[in-house]
């Protein structure tokens, strides 16, 4: 156990040094110059010991009394993983995705068939299945070869229809959205997820902030390039996580904020911590976020900070920086607010900052700050580890589609799995996904993917093959009479594949969910 602890400390020292030297400059192709920011709070000159004391006392801490844990009592009666997943993939979000995808799909494809909720859930089931059953190419899921026989995807829908839905996924109206928001294409999904994450579960006393990368190599203005990372190119997310790897809130980095009035790290922390201020919580962060002004600012809101800190941060006491230490030695200084900056010499020097701990060392001659940091810092690492299991990843040049898939097939699933584990038996995340698939497919698998009625475009010249929408005609005739309806009802060239009656898209979605006609 001691060896494991020592190895974790070594990892902490290595990662701290790596972050100090990490190259976050623009990628070789020069695409990222406007998208990369530092934490804007570094200076190697002007350090002073004014206001810092060598007398270190244990700061007074506001007790944590906030109600935490599961916030919805109905959850305790849930036993089906699908019920937990729907806490985050809500009915409102599903309706939004279906509505915007139909809007985009009908404009993109002349033969677009209306996407309905049942078919969308089948689409989700296929995506989940692809994440736990890996094949070398998409077409292999629909292969008729004996070795691939019985494919679930082929039993649910045709390959062309799956690709059509995948290519048509949209989450906002391109015509009415605020284009000044670089994330407008996926902003409704971000807002929905953040709200659901906060509504379902409130974190315990300790929370952790860190960043993660959604792999993406295609061109997008805010794509990041970080040398030395496993995924060098991608979309960066800032995540606030609690025990168990639960993602409480997240932000997508979309480039420099024009109206930002403080360093980027401080801005990110204060934005993500907004619901958790005045709570007595403890926030842990690495040296990208840590600064003396941030620790003091959080104290004003009854939030305490712990983290590693870069030695060139503004305000670090000069004596802490310059004093030579032997292995195992510690030097610390504390300001009038109770913020303590500490340097500990192990194999290398490690700088720490805390607004609630003093310079106490444990029996292993290690600062308590380091022990506490090790326990909390792993929250985001655990979240990243779990989201990396059986991900659904399809090659796409659409950044918003890649981000959407990451949120609903990885982050939301990990959160749902964590909540499930709190009230039910513990199962693997792979098994959790498998049970979601089974719930979606309960009684829905058919031998043909096209047995349900669909809204289809009549082939041929539009003027020669159009007619009045039967539902528009019915409503207008009831209100204004048949003669009025004959001239004012919408003329369309789309009709139901079963009853062969003409419907406009809106009326079909609202009034023709069931059809007793026979297939064409």
Protein backbone atom coordinates (compact mmCIF):
# COMPACT_ATOMS: atom_id res chain seq x y z
CA UNK A 1 0.00 0.00 0.00
CA UNK A 2 2.89 2.32 0.87
CA UNK A 3 4.52 1.57 -2.48
CA UNK A 4 1.27 2.41 -4.26
CA UNK A 5 1.01 5.69 -2.34
CA UNK A 6 4.61 6.58 -3.19
CA UNK A 7 4.02 5.85 -6.86
CA UNK A 8 1.01 8.16 -6.84
CA UNK A 9 3.12 10.95 -5.32
CA UNK A 10 5.73 10.38 -8.04
CA UNK A 11 2.97 10.64 -10.65
CA UNK A 12 1.84 13.86 -9.01
CA UNK A 13 5.35 15.30 -9.24
CA UNK A 14 5.77 14.18 -12.84
CA UNK A 15 2.41 15.61 -13.91
CA UNK A 16 3.19 18.87 -12.13
CA UNK A 17 6.47 19.21 -14.00
CA UNK A 18 4.78 18.25 -17.27
CA UNK A 19 2.15 20.94 -16.81
CA UNK A 20 4.84 23.55 -16.14
CA UNK A 21 6.51 22.75 -19.46
CA UNK A 22 3.47 21.73 -21.46
CA UNK A 23 3.31 23.18 -24.96
CA UNK A 24 -0.15 24.55 -25.63
CA UNK A 25 0.94 26.70 -28.53
CA UNK A 26 -0.76 26.63 -31.91
CA UNK A 27 -0.80 23.44 -33.90
CA UNK A 28 1.65 23.13 -36.80
CA UNK A 29 -1.03 24.13 -39.31
CA UNK A 30 -1.62 27.41 -37.45
CA UNK A 31 -5.33 26.80 -36.92
CA UNK A 32 -5.34 27.24 -33.18
CA UNK A 33 -3.59 30.54 -32.50
CA UNK A 34 -6.81 32.26 -31.49
CA UNK A 35 -8.13 29.33 -29.51
CA UNK A 36 -5.33 28.73 -27.01
CA UNK A 37 -5.21 30.54 -23.70
CA UNK A 38 -2.97 30.31 -20.67
CA UNK A 39 -4.19 30.86 -17.16
CA UNK A 40 -2.99 34.50 -17.42
CA UNK A 41 -1.61 34.68 -13.90
CA UNK A 42 2.12 34.05 -14.15
CA UNK A 43 5.04 36.32 -13.35
CA UNK A 44 8.60 35.57 -12.39
CA UNK A 45 9.37 39.05 -11.07
CA UNK A 46 8.23 41.15 -8.15
CA UNK A 47 7.69 38.47 -5.49
CA UNK A 48 7.55 39.75 -1.92
CA UNK A 49 7.09 38.36 1.56
CA UNK A 50 4.93 41.31 2.60
CA UNK A 51 1.68 40.08 4.11
CA UNK A 52 2.94 36.52 4.58
CA UNK A 53 3.67 34.97 7.97
CA UNK A 54 5.82 32.01 8.96
CA UNK A 55 3.33 31.29 11.75
CA UNK A 56 0.89 28.78 10.25
CA UNK A 57 -2.45 28.21 11.96
CA UNK A 58 -5.34 25.94 11.07
CA UNK A 59 -7.94 28.21 9.38
CA UNK A 60 -11.51 28.29 10.62
CA UNK A 61 -13.78 26.48 8.16
CA UNK A 62 -17.49 26.98 7.58
CA UNK A 63 -19.17 23.59 8.16
CA UNK A 64 -20.68 21.85 5.15
CA UNK A 65 -24.40 21.47 5.85
CA UNK A 66 -25.93 21.47 2.35
CA UNK A 67 -28.20 18.63 1.30
CA UNK A 68 -26.18 16.44 -1.07
CA UNK A 69 -26.65 13.21 -2.98
CA UNK A 70 -29.67 12.14 -5.05
CA UNK A 71 -32.23 14.95 -5.29
CA UNK A 72 -35.12 13.04 -6.88
CA UNK A 73 -36.77 10.60 -4.47
CA UNK A 74 -38.44 8.76 -7.37
CA UNK A 75 -35.02 7.43 -8.33
CA UNK A 76 -35.00 5.06 -5.35
CA UNK A 77 -37.86 3.13 -6.94
CA UNK A 78 -36.04 2.71 -10.28
CA UNK A 79 -34.50 -0.63 -11.16
CA UNK A 80 -34.24 -0.47 -14.95
CA UNK A 81 -31.03 1.15 -16.30
CA UNK A 82 -33.09 2.85 -19.02
CA UNK A 83 -34.99 4.78 -16.34
CA UNK A 84 -31.70 6.12 -15.01
CA UNK A 85 -30.44 7.01 -18.48
CA UNK A 86 -33.64 8.95 -19.19
CA UNK A 87 -32.88 11.17 -16.20
CA UNK A 88 -30.29 12.77 -18.48
CA UNK A 89 -31.49 11.89 -21.98
CA UNK A 90 -34.80 13.50 -21.09
CA UNK A 91 -38.04 13.37 -23.07
CA UNK A 92 -37.70 17.08 -23.85
CA UNK A 93 -34.19 16.57 -25.22
CA UNK A 94 -35.35 13.62 -27.33
CA UNK A 95 -38.18 15.73 -28.78
CA UNK A 96 -35.74 18.54 -29.53
CA UNK A 97 -33.33 16.23 -31.36
CA UNK A 98 -36.13 14.58 -33.33
CA UNK A 99 -37.73 17.89 -34.29
CA UNK A 100 -34.53 19.60 -35.43
CA UNK A 101 -33.31 16.46 -37.21
CA UNK A 102 -36.59 16.24 -39.12
CA UNK A 103 -36.27 19.91 -40.05
CA UNK A 104 -32.76 19.41 -41.37
CA UNK A 105 -33.36 15.97 -42.89
CA UNK A 106 -36.41 17.06 -44.89
CA UNK A 107 -34.36 19.89 -46.38
CA UNK A 108 -31.33 17.69 -47.06
CA UNK A 109 -33.05 14.62 -48.51
CA UNK A 110 -35.90 14.81 -51.03
CA UNK A 111 -37.05 11.34 -49.95
CA UNK A 112 -36.70 11.95 -46.21
CA UNK A 113 -38.98 9.81 -44.03
CA UNK A 114 -40.10 11.47 -40.83
CA UNK A 115 -38.04 10.40 -37.82
CA UNK A 116 -40.29 9.40 -34.94
CA UNK A 117 -39.51 8.64 -31.31
CA UNK A 118 -39.62 4.85 -31.63
CA UNK A 119 -37.24 4.89 -34.58
CA UNK A 120 -34.92 7.34 -32.82
CA UNK A 121 -34.68 5.02 -29.82
CA UNK A 122 -33.80 2.17 -32.19
CA UNK A 123 -31.09 4.42 -33.61
CA UNK A 124 -29.77 4.94 -30.06
CA UNK A 125 -29.84 1.19 -29.45
CA UNK A 126 -27.73 0.59 -32.55
CA UNK A 127 -25.21 3.21 -31.42
CA UNK A 128 -24.99 1.63 -27.96
CA UNK A 129 -24.58 -1.79 -29.54
CA UNK A 130 -21.77 -0.52 -31.77
CA UNK A 131 -19.99 0.77 -28.67
CA UNK A 132 -19.84 -2.67 -27.04
CA UNK A 133 -19.47 -4.80 -30.18
CA UNK A 134 -16.56 -3.42 -32.19
CA UNK A 135 -16.28 -4.08 -35.91
CA UNK A 136 -13.76 -2.73 -38.36
CA UNK A 137 -16.25 -0.82 -40.49
CA UNK A 138 -19.82 0.39 -40.39
CA UNK A 139 -20.96 -1.86 -43.23
CA UNK A 140 -19.98 -4.98 -41.28
CA UNK A 141 -22.91 -4.37 -38.91
CA UNK A 142 -25.22 -4.98 -41.89
CA UNK A 143 -23.14 -7.68 -43.57
CA UNK A 144 -24.97 -10.80 -44.81
CA UNK A 145 -21.88 -12.99 -44.39
CA UNK A 146 -22.35 -16.00 -42.14
CA UNK A 147 -19.79 -14.80 -39.60
CA UNK A 148 -21.85 -11.61 -39.10
CA UNK A 149 -25.29 -13.22 -39.27
CA UNK A 150 -27.94 -12.11 -36.82
CA UNK A 151 -26.64 -8.54 -36.58
CA UNK A 152 -28.81 -6.44 -34.29
CA UNK A 153 -28.42 -3.34 -36.46
CA UNK A 154 -29.73 -5.10 -39.57
CA UNK A 155 -32.81 -6.29 -37.67
CA UNK A 156 -33.68 -2.76 -36.57
CA UNK A 157 -33.21 -0.63 -39.68
CA UNK A 158 -31.46 -0.52 -43.01
CA UNK A 159 -27.91 0.74 -43.23
CA UNK A 160 -28.95 3.58 -45.53
CA UNK A 161 -31.57 4.74 -43.05
CA UNK A 162 -29.06 4.64 -40.18
CA UNK A 163 -26.57 6.74 -42.15
CA UNK A 164 -29.37 9.09 -43.20
CA UNK A 165 -30.36 9.68 -39.56
CA UNK A 166 -26.74 10.01 -38.44
CA UNK A 167 -26.03 12.60 -41.12
CA UNK A 168 -29.21 14.53 -40.31
CA UNK A 169 -28.80 14.81 -36.54
CA UNK A 170 -29.34 18.44 -35.59
CA UNK A 171 -30.02 20.19 -32.31
CA UNK A 172 -30.76 23.80 -33.27
CA UNK A 173 -32.45 25.73 -36.06
CA UNK A 174 -29.67 27.11 -38.27
CA UNK A 175 -31.91 29.95 -39.46
CA UNK A 176 -32.91 31.35 -36.07
CA UNK A 177 -29.94 30.51 -33.81
CA UNK A 178 -27.53 33.13 -32.50
CA UNK A 179 -24.50 32.71 -34.77
CA UNK A 180 -22.33 34.81 -32.45
CA UNK A 181 -22.30 31.79 -30.12
CA UNK A 182 -19.73 29.42 -31.60
CA UNK A 183 -21.47 26.51 -29.89
CA UNK A 184 -24.97 27.35 -31.15
CA UNK A 185 -25.27 24.06 -33.04
CA UNK A 186 -25.07 22.06 -29.81
CA UNK A 187 -25.87 24.65 -27.12
CA UNK A 188 -29.37 23.24 -26.38
CA UNK A 189 -27.82 19.85 -25.64
CA UNK A 190 -25.16 21.40 -23.38
CA UNK A 191 -27.81 23.35 -21.46
CA UNK A 192 -30.08 20.31 -21.13
CA UNK A 193 -27.26 18.08 -19.88
CA UNK A 194 -25.94 20.59 -17.36
CA UNK A 195 -29.43 21.15 -15.96
CA UNK A 196 -30.12 17.43 -15.66
CA UNK A 197 -26.73 16.73 -14.05
CA UNK A 198 -27.46 19.34 -11.37
CA UNK A 199 -31.12 18.43 -10.84
CA UNK A 200 -30.50 14.72 -10.28
CA UNK A 201 -27.51 14.82 -7.94
CA UNK A 202 -25.75 17.35 -5.73
CA UNK A 203 -22.08 16.68 -4.97
CA UNK A 204 -20.69 15.96 -1.54
CA UNK A 205 -18.28 18.28 0.24
CA UNK A 206 -15.28 17.52 -2.00
CA UNK A 207 -15.36 18.32 -5.70
CA UNK A 208 -12.65 18.50 -8.33
CA UNK A 209 -12.11 20.57 -11.47
CA UNK A 210 -10.03 19.50 -14.45
CA UNK A 211 -10.08 19.45 -18.21
CA UNK A 212 -10.60 16.63 -20.67
CA UNK A 213 -10.25 16.30 -24.41
CA UNK A 214 -12.89 15.02 -26.83
CA UNK A 215 -10.82 13.59 -29.70
CA UNK A 216 -11.42 15.47 -32.97
CA UNK A 217 -8.91 16.06 -35.76
CA UNK A 218 -11.01 17.96 -38.30
CA UNK A 219 -10.90 21.73 -38.64
CA UNK A 220 -12.88 23.80 -36.17
CA UNK A 221 -11.99 27.25 -34.86
CA UNK A 222 -11.67 26.17 -31.23
CA UNK A 223 -9.98 22.83 -31.72
CA UNK A 224 -7.08 22.44 -29.30
CA UNK A 225 -3.62 20.98 -29.81
CA UNK A 226 -1.75 19.90 -26.69
CA UNK A 227 1.65 18.32 -27.15
CA UNK A 228 2.30 15.24 -25.06
CA UNK A 229 -1.33 14.25 -24.61
CA UNK A 230 -2.73 10.93 -25.80
CA UNK A 231 -5.30 12.81 -27.89
CA UNK A 232 -3.32 15.80 -29.15
CA UNK A 233 -6.19 17.28 -31.16
CA UNK A 234 -9.70 17.75 -29.90
CA UNK A 235 -12.41 19.81 -28.25
CA UNK A 236 -11.54 20.75 -24.69
CA UNK A 237 -14.05 20.43 -21.87
CA UNK A 238 -13.72 21.80 -18.36
CA UNK A 239 -15.40 19.40 -15.94
CA UNK A 240 -16.51 19.65 -12.33
CA UNK A 241 -16.67 16.14 -10.87
CA UNK A 242 -17.55 14.61 -7.52
CA UNK A 243 -16.79 11.31 -5.85
CA UNK A 244 -17.40 8.32 -8.11
CA UNK A 245 -16.59 10.24 -11.29
CA UNK A 246 -20.01 11.93 -11.51
CA UNK A 247 -19.88 14.98 -13.79
CA UNK A 248 -21.70 17.80 -11.99
CA UNK A 249 -21.18 20.52 -14.59
CA UNK A 250 -19.05 21.12 -17.67
CA UNK A 251 -18.04 23.90 -20.05
CA UNK A 252 -16.93 23.56 -23.66
CA UNK A 253 -13.92 25.71 -24.53
CA UNK A 254 -14.82 27.67 -27.67
CA UNK A 255 -11.97 30.17 -27.81
CA UNK A 256 -11.26 33.48 -26.14
CA UNK A 257 -14.14 35.22 -24.41
CA UNK A 258 -14.23 38.89 -25.52
CA UNK A 259 -15.81 40.19 -22.31
CA UNK A 260 -13.72 38.20 -19.85
CA UNK A 261 -12.43 40.41 -17.00
CA UNK A 262 -10.29 37.88 -15.11
CA UNK A 263 -7.79 35.11 -15.97
CA UNK A 264 -9.32 32.27 -17.95
CA UNK A 265 -8.78 29.70 -15.17
CA UNK A 266 -10.50 31.93 -12.63
CA UNK A 267 -13.36 32.59 -15.05
CA UNK A 268 -13.88 28.86 -15.64
CA UNK A 269 -13.81 28.05 -11.93
CA UNK A 270 -16.30 30.76 -10.97
CA UNK A 271 -18.67 29.82 -13.81
CA UNK A 272 -18.69 26.13 -12.97
CA UNK A 273 -18.88 26.72 -9.22
CA UNK A 274 -21.80 29.15 -9.45
CA UNK A 275 -24.43 26.71 -8.05
CA UNK A 276 -22.08 25.58 -5.26
CA UNK A 277 -20.96 28.89 -3.76
CA UNK A 278 -21.74 29.75 -0.12
CA UNK A 279 -21.71 26.03 0.67
CA UNK A 280 -18.53 25.25 2.60
CA UNK A 281 -17.38 22.89 -0.16
CA UNK A 282 -13.76 22.09 -0.93
CA UNK A 283 -12.58 22.46 -4.54
CA UNK A 284 -9.46 20.66 -5.75
CA UNK A 285 -7.62 21.71 -8.90
CA UNK A 286 -4.24 21.36 -10.57
CA UNK A 287 -1.68 24.04 -11.29
CA UNK A 288 -3.52 25.37 -14.35
CA UNK A 289 -6.30 26.68 -12.11
CA UNK A 290 -4.43 27.40 -8.87
CA UNK A 291 -3.57 30.99 -7.98
CA UNK A 292 -3.53 33.05 -4.82
CA UNK A 293 -6.22 35.51 -6.08
CA UNK A 294 -8.53 32.58 -6.93
CA UNK A 295 -8.13 31.00 -3.48
CA UNK A 296 -8.94 34.34 -1.86
CA UNK A 297 -11.91 34.96 -4.15
CA UNK A 298 -13.40 31.55 -3.37
CA UNK A 299 -13.01 32.25 0.34
CA UNK A 300 -15.30 35.26 -0.10
CA UNK A 301 -17.96 32.75 -1.20
CA UNK A 302 -17.31 30.19 1.56
CA UNK A 303 -15.57 27.76 -0.79
CA UNK A 304 -12.15 26.35 0.11
CA UNK A 305 -9.40 25.52 -2.36
CA UNK A 306 -6.63 22.92 -2.55
CA UNK A 307 -4.23 22.33 -5.40
CA UNK A 308 -0.76 22.22 -6.84
CA UNK A 309 0.51 25.63 -7.93
CA UNK A 310 3.17 26.77 -10.38
CA UNK A 311 6.18 28.38 -8.78
CA UNK A 312 5.97 31.39 -11.12
CA UNK A 313 2.47 32.41 -10.05
CA UNK A 314 2.06 36.02 -9.05
CA UNK A 315 2.30 36.57 -5.31
CA UNK A 316 4.11 33.44 -4.16
CA UNK A 317 6.32 34.43 -1.19
CA UNK A 318 9.94 34.93 -2.21
CA UNK A 319 11.32 32.85 0.65
CA UNK A 320 9.16 29.87 -0.33
CA UNK A 321 10.60 30.04 -3.85
CA UNK A 322 14.24 30.62 -3.00
CA UNK A 323 14.88 28.50 0.09
CA UNK A 324 16.81 25.30 -0.62
CA UNK A 325 15.26 22.22 0.95
CA UNK A 326 16.53 18.74 1.66
CA UNK A 327 14.38 15.74 0.83
CA UNK A 328 11.37 15.57 3.16
CA UNK A 329 11.63 19.21 4.29
CA UNK A 330 8.76 21.69 4.09
CA UNK A 331 8.52 25.47 4.04
CA UNK A 332 5.19 27.29 4.20
CA UNK A 333 3.81 30.79 4.53
CA UNK A 334 0.28 31.94 5.32
CA UNK A 335 -1.47 35.23 4.54
CA UNK A 336 -4.01 37.13 6.63
CA UNK A 337 -6.91 35.35 4.88
CA UNK A 338 -5.72 31.88 5.84
CA UNK A 339 -4.30 30.96 2.41
CA UNK A 340 -1.20 28.79 2.83
CA UNK A 341 1.49 28.30 0.18
CA UNK A 342 3.76 25.32 0.81
CA UNK A 343 6.84 23.82 -0.82
CA UNK A 344 7.79 20.22 -0.14
CA UNK A 345 10.94 18.50 -1.37
CA UNK A 346 10.56 14.90 -2.47
CA UNK A 347 12.54 13.86 -5.54
CA UNK A 348 11.68 17.31 -6.82
CA UNK A 349 10.10 20.39 -5.33
CA UNK A 350 6.32 20.42 -5.20
CA UNK A 351 4.33 23.60 -4.59
CA UNK A 352 0.89 23.42 -2.97
CA UNK A 353 -1.77 25.95 -2.02
CA UNK A 354 -4.70 25.57 0.39
CA UNK A 355 -7.17 27.86 2.12
CA UNK A 356 -8.27 25.29 4.73
CA UNK A 357 -5.17 23.22 5.60
CA UNK A 358 -1.99 24.14 7.46
CA UNK A 359 1.55 22.78 6.94
CA UNK A 360 1.05 19.63 9.04
CA UNK A 361 2.94 16.52 7.89
CA UNK A 362 1.86 12.93 8.54
CA UNK A 363 3.82 10.00 9.96
CA UNK A 364 5.36 9.37 6.55
CA UNK A 365 6.80 12.91 6.62
CA UNK A 366 4.45 13.93 3.84
CA UNK A 367 2.30 17.10 4.00
CA UNK A 368 -1.37 16.48 4.72
CA UNK A 369 -2.08 18.72 1.73
CA UNK A 370 -0.55 16.13 -0.59
CA UNK A 371 -2.57 13.27 0.92
CA UNK A 372 -5.81 15.22 0.66
CA UNK A 373 -5.03 16.30 -2.91
CA UNK A 374 -4.37 12.70 -3.97
CA UNK A 375 -7.79 11.60 -2.71
CA UNK A 376 -9.79 14.34 -4.44
CA UNK A 377 -7.87 14.86 -7.67
CA UNK A 378 -8.87 11.44 -8.97
CA UNK A 379 -12.56 12.35 -9.41
CA UNK A 380 -12.12 13.70 -12.95
CA UNK A 381 -9.57 11.00 -13.79
CA UNK A 382 -12.13 8.37 -12.80
CA UNK A 383 -14.78 10.10 -14.92
CA UNK A 384 -12.44 10.10 -17.93
CA UNK A 385 -11.55 6.46 -17.32
CA UNK A 386 -15.19 5.40 -17.26
CA UNK A 387 -16.16 7.44 -20.34
CA UNK A 388 -13.30 5.79 -22.22
CA UNK A 389 -14.89 2.35 -21.76
CA UNK A 390 -16.81 1.12 -24.81
CA UNK A 391 -17.29 4.55 -26.44
CA UNK A 392 -19.42 5.08 -29.53
CA UNK A 393 -17.05 6.70 -32.02
CA UNK A 394 -17.81 7.02 -35.71
CA UNK A 395 -15.66 9.05 -38.05
CA UNK A 396 -17.26 12.42 -38.63
CA UNK A 397 -16.12 15.83 -39.82
CA UNK A 398 -18.95 17.51 -37.86
CA UNK A 399 -17.60 18.74 -34.53
CA UNK A 400 -21.06 19.18 -33.03
CA UNK A 401 -21.96 15.57 -33.82
CA UNK A 402 -18.75 14.33 -32.21
CA UNK A 403 -19.48 16.38 -29.10
CA UNK A 404 -23.12 15.23 -28.99
CA UNK A 405 -22.07 11.58 -29.13
CA UNK A 406 -19.54 12.13 -26.35
CA UNK A 407 -22.16 13.72 -24.11
CA UNK A 408 -25.05 11.27 -24.61
CA UNK A 409 -23.17 7.99 -25.16
CA UNK A 410 -20.36 8.56 -22.66
CA UNK A 411 -20.82 11.33 -20.07
CA UNK A 412 -24.57 10.84 -19.56
CA UNK A 413 -24.13 7.05 -19.43
CA UNK A 414 -21.40 7.27 -16.76
CA UNK A 415 -23.58 9.57 -14.65
CA UNK A 416 -26.61 7.29 -15.05
CA UNK A 417 -24.49 4.25 -14.18
CA UNK A 418 -23.18 5.98 -11.05
CA UNK A 419 -26.69 6.89 -9.82
CA UNK A 420 -27.85 3.34 -10.61
CA UNK A 421 -24.98 1.97 -8.50
CA UNK A 422 -26.08 4.06 -5.52
CA UNK A 423 -29.52 2.43 -5.34
CA UNK A 424 -29.06 -0.98 -7.00
CA UNK A 425 -26.53 -3.75 -7.22
CA UNK A 426 -23.21 -2.79 -8.77
CA UNK A 427 -22.81 -3.89 -12.38
CA UNK A 428 -20.20 -3.13 -15.01
CA UNK A 429 -20.78 -0.18 -17.29
CA UNK A 430 -20.81 -2.60 -20.24
CA UNK A 431 -23.64 -4.56 -18.62
CA UNK A 432 -25.41 -1.27 -17.88
CA UNK A 433 -25.32 -0.36 -21.58
CA UNK A 434 -26.51 -3.84 -22.56
CA UNK A 435 -29.57 -3.49 -20.33
CA UNK A 436 -30.37 -0.09 -21.86
CA UNK A 437 -30.34 -1.74 -25.29
CA UNK A 438 -32.64 -4.52 -24.07
CA UNK A 439 -35.07 -1.97 -22.62
CA UNK A 440 -35.24 -0.07 -25.90
CA UNK A 441 -35.75 -3.24 -27.92
CA UNK A 442 -38.34 -4.86 -25.69
CA UNK A 443 -40.87 -6.12 -28.24
CA UNK A 444 -39.61 -3.80 -30.97
CA UNK A 445 -37.40 -6.04 -33.10
CA UNK A 446 -39.00 -6.84 -36.44
CA UNK A 447 -37.76 -8.95 -39.31
CA UNK A 448 -37.98 -5.97 -41.65
CA UNK A 449 -36.88 -2.48 -40.75
CA UNK A 450 -39.48 -0.81 -42.96
CA UNK A 451 -42.73 -2.39 -41.76
CA UNK A 452 -43.92 0.82 -40.07
CA UNK A 453 -45.70 3.58 -41.95
CA UNK A 454 -43.59 6.50 -43.12
CA UNK A 455 -44.07 9.86 -44.77
CA UNK A 456 -42.63 9.56 -48.26
CA UNK A 457 -42.10 11.99 -51.09
CA UNK A 458 -43.99 11.11 -54.27
CA UNK A 459 -41.44 10.69 -57.09
CA UNK A 460 -41.70 12.78 -60.22
CA UNK A 461 -42.36 16.47 -60.93
CA UNK A 462 -43.67 18.18 -57.83
CA UNK A 463 -46.50 20.11 -59.54
CA UNK A 464 -47.88 16.97 -61.16
CA UNK A 465 -47.91 14.85 -58.00
CA UNK A 466 -49.12 17.12 -55.24
CA UNK A 467 -52.38 17.30 -53.38
CA UNK A 468 -53.97 19.02 -50.38
CA UNK A 469 -52.90 17.85 -46.92
CA UNK A 470 -55.90 15.89 -45.62
CA UNK A 471 -55.49 17.16 -42.06
CA UNK A 472 -55.05 20.81 -43.08
CA UNK A 473 -58.14 20.41 -45.30
CA UNK A 474 -60.16 18.86 -42.48
CA UNK A 475 -59.35 21.63 -40.01
CA UNK A 476 -59.98 24.47 -42.48
CA UNK A 477 -63.22 22.91 -43.73
CA UNK A 478 -64.48 22.62 -40.17
CA UNK A 479 -63.71 26.27 -39.44
CA UNK A 480 -64.43 28.01 -42.77
CA UNK A 481 -66.19 25.53 -45.04
CA UNK A 482 -65.14 23.14 -47.81
CA UNK A 483 -64.81 25.75 -50.56
CA UNK A 484 -62.35 27.74 -48.46
CA UNK A 485 -60.38 24.61 -47.55
CA UNK A 486 -60.08 23.55 -51.20
CA UNK A 487 -58.07 26.68 -51.97
CA UNK A 488 -56.23 27.32 -48.71
CA UNK A 489 -55.13 23.89 -47.43
CA UNK A 490 -51.41 23.18 -47.89
CA UNK A 491 -50.41 21.52 -51.15
CA UNK A 492 -47.78 18.82 -50.63
CA UNK A 493 -46.17 15.94 -52.49
CA UNK A 494 -45.65 13.78 -49.40
CA UNK A 495 -47.96 10.95 -48.39
CA UNK A 496 -48.22 8.08 -45.91
CA UNK A 497 -46.67 4.84 -47.17
CA UNK A 498 -49.59 2.80 -45.76
CA UNK A 499 -52.85 4.65 -46.31
CA UNK A 500 -51.41 6.75 -49.18
CA UNK A 501 -53.09 9.91 -47.93
CA UNK A 502 -51.28 13.21 -48.40
CA UNK A 503 -49.93 14.95 -45.27
CA UNK A 504 -47.68 17.91 -44.62
CA UNK A 505 -44.81 17.26 -42.22
CA UNK A 506 -46.40 19.01 -39.22
CA UNK A 507 -49.78 17.30 -39.54
CA UNK A 508 -48.17 13.91 -40.07
CA UNK A 509 -46.12 14.24 -36.88
CA UNK A 510 -49.04 15.55 -34.82
CA UNK A 511 -52.08 13.62 -36.05
CA UNK A 512 -50.97 10.51 -37.94
CA UNK A 513 -48.96 8.52 -35.42
CA UNK A 514 -50.99 5.39 -36.11
CA UNK A 515 -52.15 4.08 -39.48
CA UNK A 516 -54.46 1.18 -40.25
CA UNK A 517 -53.77 1.10 -43.98
CA UNK A 518 -51.74 -1.53 -45.80
CA UNK A 519 -48.17 -1.06 -46.98
CA UNK A 520 -47.59 0.05 -50.52
